[in-house]
Amino acid sequence: MTEQAQVPARKKRNWGVKIILILVALLVAVAAYFILGAILPRWWSDVVAGQIRRDLGASVLVGMFYGFVFTFIPLVVAWQATHKAVSWLWKIVILLAAVAIATPNLLTAGIVFGSTESAHAGQRTLSVDAGFFTTWTAISAVAAAVIFVVVTVLWALWRRRGKQMRTLKQAENERTRAAKRAEQEARDSTPQA
C-alpha cells in the first residue's frame, strides 16, 4: 500500500515539473524574440549593405539571388512534407528546415514590414546602401513562388497522365489476351476435317 500511495504523488510532481519547464521555455522564447528583434534587422541590413557596397547593379543581382533562391528552395523542401509516407514528426522537421532555409527572405521582410526601431534603422541602411535590393528581392520571390506552382501543377499533370497511360496499357493488354483466348477457344471448338 505504501508503494501505491507514492505513485500518484510522483505523477503530480511530474506534471508540476512539466508545467514549470513549459513556462520557462515560453519565457525564453519571448525573451529571444525581443532580443533577436532588436539585433537581427540591423545586422542583416549591414550584411546586405556590405555585399552590395552602394552598387545599384549589384543591388539588383543580389536581390534577385536572395529572392529567388531563398523562396524556391524552401518551397521545394516544404513540398517534401506532403508525401504520405513521411511521419508527422518528420513533416514538422522538414517544415522547420524550410523556414530555416528561408531565413534571408524572412529577415528582409522583417526589415521592410517591421515597425521596431531596429527595423527602421535597417530600412534606412538598405535604402541608402542597397537601393533596389528589397524591390528585386520581392519581385524574385514572387517569380520563384509562381514558378514553383507551375512546376508543381505540371508535375501533378504528368503523374496523372502516367497513371492513365498505365491503366490504358493494362486494359489494352487484357483486351489482347481476351481476344487471343477467344480465338484459341474458337479454334479448339471447331471440328477438324
N, C-alpha and C. Protein backbone atom coordinates (compact mmCIF):
# COMPACT_ATOMS: atom_id res chain seq x y z
N MET A 1 0.81 -1.20 0.00
CA MET A 1 0.00 0.00 0.00
C MET A 1 0.85 1.25 0.00
N THR A 2 1.98 1.17 0.59
CA THR A 2 2.85 2.34 0.64
C THR A 2 3.31 2.71 -0.77
N GLU A 3 3.58 1.71 -1.58
CA GLU A 3 4.03 1.97 -2.94
C GLU A 3 2.93 2.61 -3.77
N GLN A 4 1.68 2.19 -3.56
CA GLN A 4 0.57 2.77 -4.32
C GLN A 4 0.37 4.23 -3.95
N ALA A 5 0.59 4.59 -2.72
CA ALA A 5 0.41 5.97 -2.29
C ALA A 5 1.49 6.86 -2.88
N GLN A 6 2.67 6.33 -3.15
CA GLN A 6 3.77 7.13 -3.67
C GLN A 6 3.63 7.39 -5.17
N VAL A 7 3.01 6.50 -5.90
CA VAL A 7 2.89 6.66 -7.35
C VAL A 7 2.11 7.92 -7.73
N PRO A 8 0.92 8.18 -7.16
CA PRO A 8 0.22 9.40 -7.53
C PRO A 8 0.99 10.66 -7.15
N ALA A 9 1.69 10.65 -6.05
CA ALA A 9 2.48 11.82 -5.66
C ALA A 9 3.57 12.09 -6.70
N ARG A 10 4.20 11.04 -7.20
CA ARG A 10 5.23 11.20 -8.22
C ARG A 10 4.64 11.77 -9.51
N LYS A 11 3.46 11.30 -9.90
CA LYS A 11 2.81 11.82 -11.10
C LYS A 11 2.49 13.30 -10.96
N LYS A 12 2.04 13.70 -9.78
CA LYS A 12 1.73 15.12 -9.58
C LYS A 12 3.00 15.95 -9.69
N ARG A 13 4.09 15.47 -9.16
CA ARG A 13 5.35 16.21 -9.27
C ARG A 13 5.78 16.31 -10.72
N ASN A 14 5.60 15.25 -11.51
CA ASN A 14 5.98 15.29 -12.91
C ASN A 14 5.18 16.34 -13.67
N TRP A 15 3.88 16.43 -13.39
CA TRP A 15 3.08 17.46 -14.06
C TRP A 15 3.54 18.85 -13.65
N GLY A 16 3.86 19.02 -12.39
CA GLY A 16 4.34 20.32 -11.92
C GLY A 16 5.65 20.69 -12.58
N VAL A 17 6.56 19.73 -12.71
CA VAL A 17 7.84 19.98 -13.37
C VAL A 17 7.61 20.31 -14.84
N LYS A 18 6.70 19.57 -15.50
CA LYS A 18 6.42 19.83 -16.91
C LYS A 18 5.85 21.22 -17.12
N ILE A 19 4.95 21.63 -16.26
CA ILE A 19 4.35 22.97 -16.38
C ILE A 19 5.41 24.04 -16.18
N ILE A 20 6.28 23.85 -15.19
CA ILE A 20 7.34 24.82 -14.94
C ILE A 20 8.29 24.88 -16.14
N LEU A 21 8.65 23.74 -16.70
CA LEU A 21 9.54 23.72 -17.87
C LEU A 21 8.90 24.40 -19.08
N ILE A 22 7.62 24.19 -19.28
CA ILE A 22 6.92 24.83 -20.39
C ILE A 22 6.90 26.34 -20.19
N LEU A 23 6.63 26.79 -18.99
CA LEU A 23 6.62 28.23 -18.72
C LEU A 23 8.00 28.84 -18.91
N VAL A 24 9.03 28.16 -18.45
CA VAL A 24 10.40 28.66 -18.64
C VAL A 24 10.73 28.71 -20.13
N ALA A 25 10.35 27.68 -20.88
CA ALA A 25 10.61 27.66 -22.32
C ALA A 25 9.88 28.81 -23.01
N LEU A 26 8.63 29.09 -22.61
CA LEU A 26 7.90 30.21 -23.18
C LEU A 26 8.56 31.55 -22.86
N LEU A 27 9.02 31.71 -21.64
CA LEU A 27 9.72 32.94 -21.26
C LEU A 27 11.01 33.12 -22.05
N VAL A 28 11.75 32.04 -22.22
CA VAL A 28 12.98 32.11 -23.01
C VAL A 28 12.66 32.45 -24.46
N ALA A 29 11.61 31.86 -25.01
CA ALA A 29 11.21 32.14 -26.39
C ALA A 29 10.81 33.60 -26.56
N VAL A 30 10.04 34.14 -25.63
CA VAL A 30 9.62 35.55 -25.71
C VAL A 30 10.83 36.47 -25.59
N ALA A 31 11.72 36.16 -24.64
CA ALA A 31 12.92 36.98 -24.48
C ALA A 31 13.79 36.92 -25.74
N ALA A 32 13.95 35.72 -26.31
CA ALA A 32 14.73 35.57 -27.55
C ALA A 32 14.10 36.36 -28.69
N TYR A 33 12.78 36.34 -28.76
CA TYR A 33 12.07 37.09 -29.81
C TYR A 33 12.41 38.58 -29.73
N PHE A 34 12.32 39.14 -28.54
CA PHE A 34 12.58 40.57 -28.39
C PHE A 34 14.05 40.90 -28.59
N ILE A 35 14.93 40.05 -28.09
CA ILE A 35 16.36 40.31 -28.26
C ILE A 35 16.75 40.21 -29.73
N LEU A 36 16.31 39.13 -30.38
CA LEU A 36 16.63 38.96 -31.80
C LEU A 36 15.94 40.02 -32.66
N GLY A 37 14.74 40.45 -32.25
CA GLY A 37 14.05 41.51 -32.97
C GLY A 37 14.78 42.83 -32.91
N ALA A 38 15.55 43.03 -31.86
CA ALA A 38 16.32 44.26 -31.74
C ALA A 38 17.66 44.17 -32.45
N ILE A 39 18.18 42.96 -32.64
CA ILE A 39 19.52 42.80 -33.21
C ILE A 39 19.50 42.45 -34.70
N LEU A 40 18.67 41.47 -35.08
CA LEU A 40 18.74 40.90 -36.44
C LEU A 40 18.47 41.88 -37.57
N PRO A 41 17.47 42.77 -37.50
CA PRO A 41 17.27 43.67 -38.64
C PRO A 41 18.48 44.57 -38.94
N ARG A 42 19.08 45.10 -37.91
CA ARG A 42 20.28 45.93 -38.13
C ARG A 42 21.42 45.09 -38.69
N TRP A 43 21.62 43.92 -38.08
CA TRP A 43 22.70 43.05 -38.55
C TRP A 43 22.49 42.65 -40.01
N TRP A 44 21.28 42.22 -40.36
CA TRP A 44 21.02 41.76 -41.73
C TRP A 44 21.18 42.91 -42.72
N SER A 45 20.73 44.10 -42.39
CA SER A 45 20.88 45.23 -43.31
C SER A 45 22.36 45.59 -43.49
N ASP A 46 23.16 45.44 -42.44
CA ASP A 46 24.60 45.69 -42.56
C ASP A 46 25.27 44.62 -43.42
N VAL A 47 24.84 43.36 -43.29
CA VAL A 47 25.40 42.29 -44.12
C VAL A 47 25.10 42.55 -45.59
N VAL A 48 23.86 42.89 -45.89
CA VAL A 48 23.47 43.14 -47.28
C VAL A 48 24.19 44.38 -47.82
N ALA A 49 24.24 45.42 -47.02
CA ALA A 49 24.94 46.65 -47.46
C ALA A 49 26.41 46.37 -47.70
N GLY A 50 27.03 45.51 -46.90
CA GLY A 50 28.42 45.14 -47.11
C GLY A 50 28.62 44.35 -48.39
N GLN A 51 27.64 43.55 -48.78
CA GLN A 51 27.76 42.78 -50.01
C GLN A 51 27.58 43.66 -51.24
N ILE A 52 26.73 44.67 -51.12
CA ILE A 52 26.37 45.47 -52.29
C ILE A 52 27.29 46.68 -52.45
N ARG A 53 27.64 47.34 -51.37
CA ARG A 53 28.55 48.50 -51.36
C ARG A 53 28.10 49.62 -52.29
N ARG A 54 26.82 49.94 -52.21
CA ARG A 54 26.20 51.06 -52.95
C ARG A 54 26.27 50.91 -54.47
N ASP A 55 26.41 49.72 -54.97
CA ASP A 55 26.40 49.46 -56.41
C ASP A 55 24.99 49.02 -56.78
N LEU A 56 24.32 49.82 -57.61
CA LEU A 56 22.92 49.53 -57.94
C LEU A 56 22.79 48.23 -58.74
N GLY A 57 23.74 47.94 -59.61
CA GLY A 57 23.70 46.69 -60.36
C GLY A 57 23.83 45.49 -59.43
N ALA A 58 24.75 45.60 -58.50
CA ALA A 58 24.91 44.52 -57.52
C ALA A 58 23.67 44.42 -56.65
N SER A 59 23.04 45.54 -56.37
CA SER A 59 21.82 45.55 -55.56
C SER A 59 20.72 44.73 -56.24
N VAL A 60 20.59 44.93 -57.55
CA VAL A 60 19.57 44.19 -58.31
C VAL A 60 19.90 42.69 -58.32
N LEU A 61 21.16 42.36 -58.63
CA LEU A 61 21.55 40.95 -58.74
C LEU A 61 21.47 40.22 -57.40
N VAL A 62 21.95 40.85 -56.34
CA VAL A 62 21.90 40.22 -55.02
C VAL A 62 20.44 40.07 -54.57
N GLY A 63 19.63 41.07 -54.84
CA GLY A 63 18.21 40.98 -54.50
C GLY A 63 17.52 39.86 -55.26
N MET A 64 17.84 39.73 -56.55
CA MET A 64 17.25 38.65 -57.34
C MET A 64 17.70 37.29 -56.81
N PHE A 65 18.98 37.17 -56.48
CA PHE A 65 19.50 35.91 -55.96
C PHE A 65 18.80 35.52 -54.67
N TYR A 66 18.82 36.43 -53.70
CA TYR A 66 18.19 36.11 -52.41
C TYR A 66 16.70 35.83 -52.57
N GLY A 67 16.03 36.66 -53.34
CA GLY A 67 14.59 36.49 -53.50
C GLY A 67 14.22 35.16 -54.14
N PHE A 68 14.93 34.80 -55.20
CA PHE A 68 14.57 33.57 -55.92
C PHE A 68 15.02 32.32 -55.16
N VAL A 69 16.29 32.27 -54.83
CA VAL A 69 16.85 31.05 -54.23
C VAL A 69 16.21 30.75 -52.88
N PHE A 70 16.06 31.78 -52.04
CA PHE A 70 15.57 31.53 -50.70
C PHE A 70 14.05 31.57 -50.61
N THR A 71 13.40 31.51 -51.76
CA THR A 71 11.96 31.24 -51.83
C THR A 71 11.73 29.88 -52.48
N PHE A 72 12.40 29.66 -53.62
CA PHE A 72 12.17 28.43 -54.37
C PHE A 72 12.63 27.20 -53.60
N ILE A 73 13.83 27.22 -53.06
CA ILE A 73 14.36 26.04 -52.35
C ILE A 73 13.52 25.73 -51.10
N PRO A 74 13.15 26.71 -50.27
CA PRO A 74 12.28 26.36 -49.14
C PRO A 74 10.93 25.77 -49.55
N LEU A 75 10.39 26.25 -50.67
CA LEU A 75 9.12 25.68 -51.14
C LEU A 75 9.31 24.23 -51.57
N VAL A 76 10.41 23.94 -52.24
CA VAL A 76 10.68 22.56 -52.65
C VAL A 76 10.87 21.67 -51.43
N VAL A 77 11.61 22.18 -50.44
CA VAL A 77 11.82 21.41 -49.21
C VAL A 77 10.49 21.19 -48.49
N ALA A 78 9.69 22.23 -48.36
CA ALA A 78 8.40 22.12 -47.67
C ALA A 78 7.47 21.17 -48.40
N TRP A 79 7.55 21.12 -49.71
CA TRP A 79 6.71 20.23 -50.51
C TRP A 79 6.97 18.77 -50.16
N GLN A 80 8.19 18.46 -49.71
CA GLN A 80 8.51 17.08 -49.35
C GLN A 80 7.64 16.60 -48.18
N ALA A 81 7.16 17.53 -47.38
CA ALA A 81 6.32 17.15 -46.23
C ALA A 81 4.93 16.69 -46.66
N THR A 82 4.58 16.85 -47.93
CA THR A 82 3.26 16.44 -48.39
C THR A 82 3.18 14.95 -48.73
N HIS A 83 4.32 14.28 -48.75
CA HIS A 83 4.31 12.85 -49.07
C HIS A 83 3.63 12.07 -47.95
N LYS A 84 2.83 11.09 -48.33
CA LYS A 84 2.08 10.30 -47.36
C LYS A 84 2.98 9.42 -46.51
N ALA A 85 4.12 9.01 -47.04
CA ALA A 85 5.00 8.09 -46.32
C ALA A 85 5.77 8.77 -45.19
N VAL A 86 5.76 10.09 -45.16
CA VAL A 86 6.52 10.83 -44.15
C VAL A 86 5.69 10.94 -42.87
N SER A 87 6.31 10.60 -41.73
CA SER A 87 5.59 10.68 -40.46
C SER A 87 5.41 12.14 -40.03
N TRP A 88 4.53 12.34 -39.06
CA TRP A 88 4.24 13.72 -38.62
C TRP A 88 5.46 14.38 -38.02
N LEU A 89 6.26 13.64 -37.29
CA LEU A 89 7.46 14.22 -36.69
C LEU A 89 8.40 14.72 -37.78
N TRP A 90 8.59 13.92 -38.81
CA TRP A 90 9.47 14.33 -39.90
C TRP A 90 8.87 15.47 -40.72
N LYS A 91 7.55 15.51 -40.82
CA LYS A 91 6.92 16.64 -41.51
C LYS A 91 7.23 17.94 -40.79
N ILE A 92 7.17 17.91 -39.46
CA ILE A 92 7.49 19.10 -38.68
C ILE A 92 8.96 19.48 -38.87
N VAL A 93 9.85 18.49 -38.86
CA VAL A 93 11.27 18.75 -39.06
C VAL A 93 11.52 19.35 -40.44
N ILE A 94 10.85 18.80 -41.45
CA ILE A 94 11.01 19.30 -42.82
C ILE A 94 10.53 20.75 -42.91
N LEU A 95 9.39 21.05 -42.31
CA LEU A 95 8.87 22.42 -42.35
C LEU A 95 9.78 23.39 -41.60
N LEU A 96 10.34 22.96 -40.49
CA LEU A 96 11.29 23.81 -39.76
C LEU A 96 12.55 24.05 -40.59
N ALA A 97 13.00 23.02 -41.30
CA ALA A 97 14.16 23.19 -42.19
C ALA A 97 13.85 24.17 -43.32
N ALA A 98 12.65 24.10 -43.86
CA ALA A 98 12.26 25.03 -44.92
C ALA A 98 12.25 26.47 -44.41
N VAL A 99 11.73 26.66 -43.21
CA VAL A 99 11.73 28.01 -42.62
C VAL A 99 13.15 28.48 -42.38
N ALA A 100 14.03 27.58 -41.93
CA ALA A 100 15.42 27.96 -41.70
C ALA A 100 16.11 28.36 -43.00
N ILE A 101 15.81 27.65 -44.07
CA ILE A 101 16.41 27.99 -45.37
C ILE A 101 15.88 29.33 -45.87
N ALA A 102 14.65 29.66 -45.55
CA ALA A 102 14.05 30.92 -45.99
C ALA A 102 14.43 32.11 -45.12
N THR A 103 15.32 31.92 -44.17
CA THR A 103 15.67 32.98 -43.22
C THR A 103 16.10 34.29 -43.89
N PRO A 104 16.94 34.30 -44.93
CA PRO A 104 17.30 35.59 -45.53
C PRO A 104 16.09 36.40 -46.01
N ASN A 105 15.13 35.73 -46.63
CA ASN A 105 13.94 36.45 -47.09
C ASN A 105 13.07 36.88 -45.91
N LEU A 106 13.02 36.05 -44.87
CA LEU A 106 12.24 36.43 -43.69
C LEU A 106 12.86 37.62 -42.99
N LEU A 107 14.19 37.67 -42.95
CA LEU A 107 14.86 38.82 -42.35
C LEU A 107 14.61 40.09 -43.16
N THR A 108 14.67 39.96 -44.48
CA THR A 108 14.39 41.12 -45.34
C THR A 108 12.95 41.58 -45.16
N ALA A 109 12.01 40.64 -45.09
CA ALA A 109 10.61 41.01 -44.87
C ALA A 109 10.43 41.64 -43.49
N GLY A 110 11.18 41.16 -42.51
CA GLY A 110 11.11 41.77 -41.18
C GLY A 110 11.59 43.21 -41.18
N ILE A 111 12.56 43.50 -42.02
CA ILE A 111 13.03 44.89 -42.14
C ILE A 111 12.00 45.74 -42.87
N VAL A 112 11.50 45.23 -43.98
CA VAL A 112 10.58 46.02 -44.81
C VAL A 112 9.26 46.27 -44.09
N PHE A 113 8.71 45.24 -43.46
CA PHE A 113 7.39 45.38 -42.84
C PHE A 113 7.44 45.64 -41.34
N GLY A 114 8.64 45.63 -40.76
CA GLY A 114 8.78 45.80 -39.32
C GLY A 114 8.48 47.22 -38.86
N SER A 115 8.08 47.34 -37.61
CA SER A 115 7.77 48.66 -37.07
C SER A 115 8.65 49.00 -35.87
N THR A 116 9.65 48.16 -35.60
CA THR A 116 10.54 48.44 -34.48
C THR A 116 11.60 49.44 -34.88
N GLU A 117 12.30 49.96 -33.89
CA GLU A 117 13.38 50.91 -34.16
C GLU A 117 14.48 50.24 -34.97
N SER A 118 14.76 48.98 -34.66
CA SER A 118 15.78 48.24 -35.38
C SER A 118 15.38 48.03 -36.85
N ALA A 119 14.11 47.76 -37.10
CA ALA A 119 13.63 47.60 -38.48
C ALA A 119 13.73 48.91 -39.24
N HIS A 120 13.42 50.01 -38.59
CA HIS A 120 13.53 51.32 -39.26
C HIS A 120 14.98 51.65 -39.56
N ALA A 121 15.89 51.31 -38.65
CA ALA A 121 17.32 51.51 -38.93
C ALA A 121 17.75 50.65 -40.11
N GLY A 122 17.27 49.41 -40.17
CA GLY A 122 17.58 48.53 -41.30
C GLY A 122 17.01 49.07 -42.61
N GLN A 123 15.81 49.65 -42.56
CA GLN A 123 15.22 50.25 -43.77
C GLN A 123 16.08 51.40 -44.27
N ARG A 124 16.55 52.23 -43.35
CA ARG A 124 17.41 53.35 -43.75
C ARG A 124 18.71 52.85 -44.36
N THR A 125 19.31 51.85 -43.74
CA THR A 125 20.57 51.30 -44.26
C THR A 125 20.36 50.72 -45.65
N LEU A 126 19.30 49.95 -45.84
CA LEU A 126 19.07 49.35 -47.15
C LEU A 126 18.73 50.39 -48.20
N SER A 127 17.98 51.40 -47.84
CA SER A 127 17.62 52.41 -48.85
C SER A 127 18.82 53.25 -49.25
N VAL A 128 19.79 53.43 -48.36
CA VAL A 128 20.98 54.23 -48.71
C VAL A 128 22.04 53.37 -49.38
N ASP A 129 22.34 52.20 -48.80
CA ASP A 129 23.46 51.39 -49.27
C ASP A 129 23.08 50.29 -50.25
N ALA A 130 21.83 49.94 -50.34
CA ALA A 130 21.39 48.84 -51.22
C ALA A 130 20.07 49.23 -51.86
N GLY A 131 20.11 50.21 -52.72
CA GLY A 131 18.93 50.85 -53.27
C GLY A 131 17.79 49.97 -53.74
N PHE A 132 18.06 49.04 -54.64
CA PHE A 132 16.99 48.24 -55.23
C PHE A 132 16.88 46.84 -54.64
N PHE A 133 17.60 46.58 -53.59
CA PHE A 133 17.65 45.23 -53.03
C PHE A 133 16.28 44.72 -52.62
N THR A 134 15.55 45.48 -51.85
CA THR A 134 14.25 44.99 -51.34
C THR A 134 13.24 44.82 -52.47
N THR A 135 13.27 45.72 -53.44
CA THR A 135 12.33 45.62 -54.56
C THR A 135 12.58 44.35 -55.36
N TRP A 136 13.85 44.11 -55.71
CA TRP A 136 14.16 42.95 -56.53
C TRP A 136 14.08 41.64 -55.75
N THR A 137 14.27 41.73 -54.45
CA THR A 137 14.05 40.54 -53.63
C THR A 137 12.57 40.14 -53.68
N ALA A 138 11.70 41.12 -53.55
CA ALA A 138 10.26 40.83 -53.58
C ALA A 138 9.83 40.32 -54.96
N ILE A 139 10.32 40.95 -56.02
CA ILE A 139 9.95 40.52 -57.38
C ILE A 139 10.42 39.09 -57.63
N SER A 140 11.65 38.80 -57.24
CA SER A 140 12.20 37.46 -57.46
C SER A 140 11.51 36.42 -56.59
N ALA A 141 11.12 36.79 -55.38
CA ALA A 141 10.40 35.86 -54.51
C ALA A 141 9.05 35.50 -55.11
N VAL A 142 8.36 36.48 -55.66
CA VAL A 142 7.08 36.21 -56.31
C VAL A 142 7.29 35.33 -57.54
N ALA A 143 8.33 35.62 -58.32
CA ALA A 143 8.63 34.81 -59.50
C ALA A 143 8.94 33.37 -59.11
N ALA A 144 9.70 33.19 -58.04
CA ALA A 144 10.02 31.84 -57.57
C ALA A 144 8.77 31.10 -57.13
N ALA A 145 7.87 31.78 -56.44
CA ALA A 145 6.63 31.15 -56.00
C ALA A 145 5.77 30.75 -57.20
N VAL A 146 5.69 31.62 -58.20
CA VAL A 146 4.90 31.31 -59.41
C VAL A 146 5.51 30.12 -60.14
N ILE A 147 6.83 30.12 -60.29
CA ILE A 147 7.50 29.01 -60.97
C ILE A 147 7.29 27.71 -60.20
N PHE A 148 7.36 27.78 -58.88
CA PHE A 148 7.13 26.58 -58.07
C PHE A 148 5.72 26.05 -58.29
N VAL A 149 4.73 26.93 -58.30
CA VAL A 149 3.34 26.49 -58.51
C VAL A 149 3.18 25.88 -59.90
N VAL A 150 3.76 26.50 -60.91
CA VAL A 150 3.66 25.98 -62.28
C VAL A 150 4.32 24.60 -62.36
N VAL A 151 5.52 24.47 -61.79
CA VAL A 151 6.23 23.19 -61.83
C VAL A 151 5.43 22.12 -61.07
N THR A 152 4.85 22.49 -59.93
CA THR A 152 4.06 21.54 -59.15
C THR A 152 2.83 21.08 -59.92
N VAL A 153 2.15 22.00 -60.56
CA VAL A 153 0.95 21.64 -61.34
C VAL A 153 1.35 20.75 -62.53
N LEU A 154 2.42 21.13 -63.23
CA LEU A 154 2.87 20.30 -64.36
C LEU A 154 3.30 18.91 -63.89
N TRP A 155 3.95 18.84 -62.74
CA TRP A 155 4.35 17.54 -62.19
C TRP A 155 3.13 16.68 -61.88
N ALA A 156 2.12 17.30 -61.27
CA ALA A 156 0.89 16.56 -60.95
C ALA A 156 0.20 16.08 -62.23
N LEU A 157 0.15 16.93 -63.25
CA LEU A 157 -0.46 16.53 -64.52
C LEU A 157 0.32 15.39 -65.17
N TRP A 158 1.64 15.47 -65.10
CA TRP A 158 2.49 14.43 -65.69
C TRP A 158 2.27 13.10 -64.99
N ARG A 159 2.21 13.12 -63.66
CA ARG A 159 1.97 11.89 -62.91
C ARG A 159 0.59 11.32 -63.21
N ARG A 160 -0.42 12.20 -63.30
CA ARG A 160 -1.76 11.72 -63.61
C ARG A 160 -1.80 11.11 -65.01
N ARG A 161 -1.11 11.74 -65.95
CA ARG A 161 -1.06 11.21 -67.31
C ARG A 161 -0.37 9.85 -67.31
N GLY A 162 0.71 9.70 -66.53
CA GLY A 162 1.41 8.43 -66.44
C GLY A 162 0.50 7.34 -65.89
N LYS A 163 -0.27 7.66 -64.86
CA LYS A 163 -1.21 6.69 -64.29
C LYS A 163 -2.27 6.30 -65.31
N GLN A 164 -2.76 7.29 -66.05
CA GLN A 164 -3.76 7.00 -67.08
C GLN A 164 -3.17 6.13 -68.18
N MET A 165 -1.93 6.39 -68.57
CA MET A 165 -1.29 5.59 -69.61
C MET A 165 -1.09 4.14 -69.13
N ARG A 166 -0.68 3.96 -67.87
CA ARG A 166 -0.54 2.61 -67.34
C ARG A 166 -1.87 1.88 -67.33
N THR A 167 -2.94 2.59 -66.95
CA THR A 167 -4.27 1.99 -66.92
C THR A 167 -4.70 1.59 -68.33
N LEU A 168 -4.47 2.47 -69.30
CA LEU A 168 -4.83 2.17 -70.69
C LEU A 168 -4.02 0.99 -71.24
N LYS A 169 -2.72 0.95 -70.92
CA LYS A 169 -1.89 -0.17 -71.39
C LYS A 169 -2.35 -1.48 -70.76
N GLN A 170 -2.70 -1.43 -69.49
CA GLN A 170 -3.18 -2.63 -68.82
C GLN A 170 -4.50 -3.10 -69.43
N ALA A 171 -5.40 -2.17 -69.71
CA ALA A 171 -6.68 -2.53 -70.34
C ALA A 171 -6.44 -3.10 -71.73
N GLU A 172 -5.51 -2.50 -72.49
CA GLU A 172 -5.19 -2.99 -73.83
C GLU A 172 -4.60 -4.39 -73.76
N ASN A 173 -3.72 -4.63 -72.81
CA ASN A 173 -3.14 -5.97 -72.65
C ASN A 173 -4.21 -6.99 -72.30
N GLU A 174 -5.12 -6.63 -71.41
CA GLU A 174 -6.22 -7.55 -71.05
C GLU A 174 -7.11 -7.83 -72.25
N ARG A 175 -7.40 -6.79 -73.05
CA ARG A 175 -8.21 -6.99 -74.25
C ARG A 175 -7.50 -7.90 -75.24
N THR A 176 -6.21 -7.73 -75.40
CA THR A 176 -5.44 -8.56 -76.33
C THR A 176 -5.44 -10.01 -75.87
N ARG A 177 -5.22 -10.21 -74.54
CA ARG A 177 -5.23 -11.57 -74.00
C ARG A 177 -6.61 -12.21 -74.15
N ALA A 178 -7.67 -11.44 -73.91
CA ALA A 178 -9.03 -11.97 -74.05
C ALA A 178 -9.31 -12.34 -75.51
N ALA A 179 -8.85 -11.51 -76.44
CA ALA A 179 -9.07 -11.81 -77.86
C ALA A 179 -8.31 -13.07 -78.26
N LYS A 180 -7.08 -13.24 -77.74
CA LYS A 180 -6.31 -14.44 -78.07
C LYS A 180 -6.97 -15.68 -77.48
N ARG A 181 -7.46 -15.53 -76.22
CA ARG A 181 -8.16 -16.66 -75.60
C ARG A 181 -9.40 -17.03 -76.40
N ALA A 182 -10.17 -16.04 -76.83
CA ALA A 182 -11.39 -16.30 -77.61
C ALA A 182 -11.04 -16.94 -78.94
N GLU A 183 -9.98 -16.50 -79.56
CA GLU A 183 -9.55 -17.07 -80.83
C GLU A 183 -9.10 -18.52 -80.64
N GLN A 184 -8.38 -18.77 -79.55
CA GLN A 184 -7.92 -20.13 -79.25
C GLN A 184 -9.12 -21.05 -78.96
N GLU A 185 -10.08 -20.53 -78.19
CA GLU A 185 -11.27 -21.33 -77.89
C GLU A 185 -12.07 -21.61 -79.16
N ALA A 186 -12.11 -20.63 -80.07
CA ALA A 186 -12.83 -20.83 -81.32
C ALA A 186 -12.14 -21.91 -82.15
N ARG A 187 -10.82 -21.89 -82.18
CA ARG A 187 -10.10 -22.92 -82.92
C ARG A 187 -10.27 -24.29 -82.30
N ASP A 188 -10.26 -24.34 -80.97
CA ASP A 188 -10.41 -25.60 -80.27
C ASP A 188 -11.83 -26.18 -80.45
N SER A 189 -12.81 -25.34 -80.54
CA SER A 189 -14.20 -25.83 -80.64
C SER A 189 -14.61 -26.17 -82.07
N THR A 190 -13.92 -25.72 -83.06
CA THR A 190 -14.28 -26.05 -84.45
C THR A 190 -13.85 -27.48 -84.76
N PRO A 191 -14.73 -28.25 -85.44
CA PRO A 191 -14.36 -29.64 -85.76
C PRO A 191 -13.28 -29.65 -86.83
N GLN A 192 -12.36 -30.57 -86.66
CA GLN A 192 -11.24 -30.66 -87.60
C GLN A 192 -11.57 -31.70 -88.67
N ALA A 193 -11.24 -31.37 -89.91
CA ALA A 193 -11.55 -32.28 -91.01
C ALA A 193 -10.43 -33.18 -91.37
